[in-house]
Amino acid sequence: MEFVSIPGPTRSLAPQAIVLLNAETGVPDDVCSHVYGYDETGKLITDTATDGINTWIKTYSYTAGNLTGETKWVKQ
């Protein structure tokens, strides 16, 4: 994959897809259900996934309205 810098207006970054990878195999785990948490402006701040036995959470952070970070999946 190649990334190309194209001049133009700055846009906010937003998560485009959320895929939970199996912690042991690193393969997408389609059996998980997700609950999403949003802040008062509608920005995604947490993704909580469960397979019915285990639960993982990923947290997103923003600066001046722009996505500036996301954590790795953390097992609860």
N, C-alpha and C. Protein backbone atom coordinates (compact mmCIF):
# COMPACT_ATOMS: atom_id res chain seq x y z
N MET A 1 0.85 -1.17 0.00
CA MET A 1 0.00 0.00 0.00
C MET A 1 0.89 1.23 0.00
N GLU A 2 0.53 2.21 -0.77
CA GLU A 2 1.30 3.44 -0.87
C GLU A 2 0.42 4.61 -0.43
N PHE A 3 1.01 5.51 0.34
CA PHE A 3 0.31 6.70 0.78
C PHE A 3 0.87 7.89 0.04
N VAL A 4 0.00 8.71 -0.48
CA VAL A 4 0.41 9.87 -1.26
C VAL A 4 -0.12 11.11 -0.58
N SER A 5 0.74 12.10 -0.41
CA SER A 5 0.33 13.36 0.18
C SER A 5 -0.20 14.27 -0.93
N ILE A 6 -1.47 14.62 -0.82
CA ILE A 6 -2.09 15.49 -1.81
C ILE A 6 -2.41 16.82 -1.15
N PRO A 7 -1.89 17.93 -1.69
CA PRO A 7 -2.19 19.22 -1.09
C PRO A 7 -3.70 19.50 -1.10
N GLY A 8 -4.14 20.15 -0.08
CA GLY A 8 -5.55 20.50 -0.03
C GLY A 8 -5.95 20.81 1.40
N PRO A 9 -7.23 21.02 1.62
CA PRO A 9 -7.70 21.37 2.96
C PRO A 9 -7.47 20.23 3.93
N THR A 10 -7.21 20.60 5.17
CA THR A 10 -7.02 19.61 6.22
C THR A 10 -8.38 19.07 6.64
N ARG A 11 -8.49 17.75 6.72
CA ARG A 11 -9.73 17.13 7.14
C ARG A 11 -9.51 16.39 8.46
N SER A 12 -10.55 16.32 9.26
CA SER A 12 -10.49 15.55 10.49
C SER A 12 -10.38 14.08 10.16
N LEU A 13 -9.59 13.36 10.95
CA LEU A 13 -9.52 11.92 10.80
C LEU A 13 -10.67 11.30 11.57
N ALA A 14 -11.22 10.25 11.05
CA ALA A 14 -12.29 9.53 11.71
C ALA A 14 -12.09 8.04 11.46
N PRO A 15 -12.42 7.21 12.43
CA PRO A 15 -12.28 5.77 12.18
C PRO A 15 -13.13 5.37 10.98
N GLN A 16 -12.55 4.65 10.05
CA GLN A 16 -13.26 4.22 8.87
C GLN A 16 -13.82 2.81 9.02
N ALA A 17 -13.13 1.98 9.74
CA ALA A 17 -13.59 0.61 9.97
C ALA A 17 -12.99 0.13 11.27
N ILE A 18 -13.77 -0.64 11.98
CA ILE A 18 -13.30 -1.20 13.23
C ILE A 18 -13.35 -2.70 13.09
N VAL A 19 -12.19 -3.33 13.22
CA VAL A 19 -12.12 -4.78 13.09
C VAL A 19 -11.39 -5.32 14.30
N LEU A 20 -12.05 -6.21 15.03
CA LEU A 20 -11.43 -6.84 16.18
C LEU A 20 -10.68 -8.06 15.70
N LEU A 21 -9.39 -8.13 16.00
CA LEU A 21 -8.59 -9.27 15.63
C LEU A 21 -8.51 -10.23 16.80
N ASN A 22 -8.62 -11.51 16.52
CA ASN A 22 -8.49 -12.53 17.55
C ASN A 22 -7.12 -12.39 18.19
N ALA A 23 -7.07 -12.32 19.51
CA ALA A 23 -5.82 -12.06 20.24
C ALA A 23 -4.80 -13.18 20.02
N GLU A 24 -5.25 -14.39 19.78
CA GLU A 24 -4.32 -15.50 19.60
C GLU A 24 -3.88 -15.67 18.15
N THR A 25 -4.81 -15.46 17.21
CA THR A 25 -4.48 -15.73 15.82
C THR A 25 -4.23 -14.47 15.00
N GLY A 26 -4.71 -13.32 15.47
CA GLY A 26 -4.56 -12.09 14.70
C GLY A 26 -5.52 -12.00 13.53
N VAL A 27 -6.51 -12.88 13.49
CA VAL A 27 -7.48 -12.94 12.40
C VAL A 27 -8.76 -12.23 12.84
N PRO A 28 -9.44 -11.51 11.93
CA PRO A 28 -10.69 -10.86 12.32
C PRO A 28 -11.66 -11.86 12.94
N ASP A 29 -12.25 -11.46 14.04
CA ASP A 29 -13.15 -12.32 14.80
C ASP A 29 -14.58 -11.85 14.57
N ASP A 30 -15.30 -12.53 13.71
CA ASP A 30 -16.64 -12.11 13.33
C ASP A 30 -17.72 -12.46 14.34
N VAL A 31 -17.36 -13.15 15.41
CA VAL A 31 -18.37 -13.58 16.38
C VAL A 31 -18.58 -12.55 17.49
N CYS A 32 -17.87 -11.46 17.48
CA CYS A 32 -17.99 -10.45 18.53
C CYS A 32 -19.13 -9.48 18.25
N SER A 33 -19.80 -9.08 19.33
CA SER A 33 -20.76 -7.99 19.21
C SER A 33 -20.12 -6.75 19.80
N HIS A 34 -20.52 -5.59 19.29
CA HIS A 34 -19.90 -4.33 19.69
C HIS A 34 -20.94 -3.37 20.27
N VAL A 35 -20.50 -2.61 21.26
CA VAL A 35 -21.29 -1.50 21.80
C VAL A 35 -20.40 -0.27 21.67
N TYR A 36 -20.93 0.76 21.03
CA TYR A 36 -20.15 1.96 20.77
C TYR A 36 -20.58 3.08 21.72
N GLY A 37 -19.59 3.82 22.24
CA GLY A 37 -19.86 4.98 23.09
C GLY A 37 -19.48 6.25 22.37
N TYR A 38 -20.33 7.27 22.51
CA TYR A 38 -20.11 8.53 21.81
C TYR A 38 -20.12 9.68 22.82
N ASP A 39 -19.38 10.75 22.51
CA ASP A 39 -19.43 11.92 23.37
C ASP A 39 -20.62 12.79 22.98
N GLU A 40 -20.76 13.93 23.65
CA GLU A 40 -21.93 14.79 23.42
C GLU A 40 -21.97 15.40 22.02
N THR A 41 -20.85 15.39 21.30
CA THR A 41 -20.83 15.92 19.93
C THR A 41 -21.00 14.82 18.88
N GLY A 42 -21.15 13.58 19.33
CA GLY A 42 -21.36 12.47 18.41
C GLY A 42 -20.09 11.77 17.95
N LYS A 43 -18.95 12.11 18.56
CA LYS A 43 -17.70 11.45 18.19
C LYS A 43 -17.57 10.12 18.92
N LEU A 44 -17.09 9.11 18.20
CA LEU A 44 -16.85 7.79 18.77
C LEU A 44 -15.75 7.90 19.82
N ILE A 45 -16.02 7.45 21.06
CA ILE A 45 -14.99 7.50 22.09
C ILE A 45 -14.62 6.12 22.62
N THR A 46 -15.53 5.14 22.54
CA THR A 46 -15.20 3.78 22.96
C THR A 46 -15.87 2.76 22.05
N ASP A 47 -15.19 1.65 21.89
CA ASP A 47 -15.74 0.49 21.20
C ASP A 47 -15.52 -0.68 22.14
N THR A 48 -16.60 -1.26 22.63
CA THR A 48 -16.53 -2.40 23.53
C THR A 48 -17.00 -3.63 22.78
N ALA A 49 -16.16 -4.65 22.72
CA ALA A 49 -16.48 -5.86 21.98
C ALA A 49 -16.51 -7.05 22.93
N THR A 50 -17.42 -7.98 22.67
CA THR A 50 -17.49 -9.19 23.46
C THR A 50 -17.81 -10.38 22.57
N ASP A 51 -17.25 -11.51 22.94
CA ASP A 51 -17.56 -12.76 22.24
C ASP A 51 -18.48 -13.63 23.09
N GLY A 52 -19.02 -13.03 24.17
CA GLY A 52 -19.89 -13.76 25.08
C GLY A 52 -19.16 -14.31 26.28
N ILE A 53 -17.84 -14.36 26.19
CA ILE A 53 -17.00 -14.83 27.30
C ILE A 53 -16.04 -13.74 27.73
N ASN A 54 -15.33 -13.19 26.76
CA ASN A 54 -14.34 -12.14 27.01
C ASN A 54 -14.83 -10.80 26.47
N THR A 55 -14.32 -9.72 27.07
CA THR A 55 -14.67 -8.37 26.64
C THR A 55 -13.39 -7.57 26.43
N TRP A 56 -13.36 -6.79 25.36
CA TRP A 56 -12.24 -5.91 25.04
C TRP A 56 -12.78 -4.52 24.83
N ILE A 57 -11.93 -3.51 25.09
CA ILE A 57 -12.35 -2.12 24.84
C ILE A 57 -11.22 -1.37 24.12
N LYS A 58 -11.63 -0.50 23.22
CA LYS A 58 -10.70 0.39 22.51
C LYS A 58 -11.23 1.80 22.74
N THR A 59 -10.33 2.73 23.02
CA THR A 59 -10.71 4.11 23.33
C THR A 59 -10.10 5.05 22.29
N TYR A 60 -10.88 6.03 21.88
CA TYR A 60 -10.45 7.02 20.90
C TYR A 60 -10.33 8.38 21.58
N SER A 61 -9.31 9.17 21.19
CA SER A 61 -9.14 10.50 21.77
C SER A 61 -9.07 11.55 20.66
N TYR A 62 -9.50 12.75 21.02
CA TYR A 62 -9.60 13.85 20.06
C TYR A 62 -8.96 15.10 20.64
N THR A 63 -8.38 15.91 19.77
CA THR A 63 -7.86 17.22 20.13
C THR A 63 -8.46 18.22 19.15
N ALA A 64 -9.10 19.24 19.68
CA ALA A 64 -9.74 20.27 18.85
C ALA A 64 -10.67 19.64 17.82
N GLY A 65 -11.36 18.57 18.21
CA GLY A 65 -12.32 17.93 17.33
C GLY A 65 -11.75 16.94 16.34
N ASN A 66 -10.42 16.78 16.33
CA ASN A 66 -9.77 15.86 15.39
C ASN A 66 -9.30 14.61 16.10
N LEU A 67 -9.48 13.46 15.48
CA LEU A 67 -9.01 12.21 16.05
C LEU A 67 -7.49 12.25 16.14
N THR A 68 -6.97 12.06 17.36
CA THR A 68 -5.53 12.13 17.55
C THR A 68 -4.95 10.85 18.13
N GLY A 69 -5.80 9.92 18.52
CA GLY A 69 -5.26 8.68 19.06
C GLY A 69 -6.31 7.62 19.26
N GLU A 70 -5.84 6.39 19.28
CA GLU A 70 -6.68 5.27 19.63
C GLU A 70 -5.83 4.23 20.33
N THR A 71 -6.40 3.61 21.34
CA THR A 71 -5.65 2.61 22.08
C THR A 71 -5.72 1.28 21.36
N LYS A 72 -4.85 0.37 21.77
CA LYS A 72 -4.97 -1.01 21.33
C LYS A 72 -6.15 -1.62 22.05
N TRP A 73 -6.61 -2.77 21.60
CA TRP A 73 -7.67 -3.47 22.31
C TRP A 73 -7.15 -3.90 23.68
N VAL A 74 -7.93 -3.61 24.72
CA VAL A 74 -7.54 -3.96 26.09
C VAL A 74 -8.58 -4.94 26.62
N LYS A 75 -8.10 -6.11 27.02
CA LYS A 75 -9.01 -7.11 27.59
C LYS A 75 -9.43 -6.68 28.98
N GLN A 76 -10.73 -6.75 29.25
CA GLN A 76 -11.28 -6.33 30.54
C GLN A 76 -11.32 -7.49 31.51
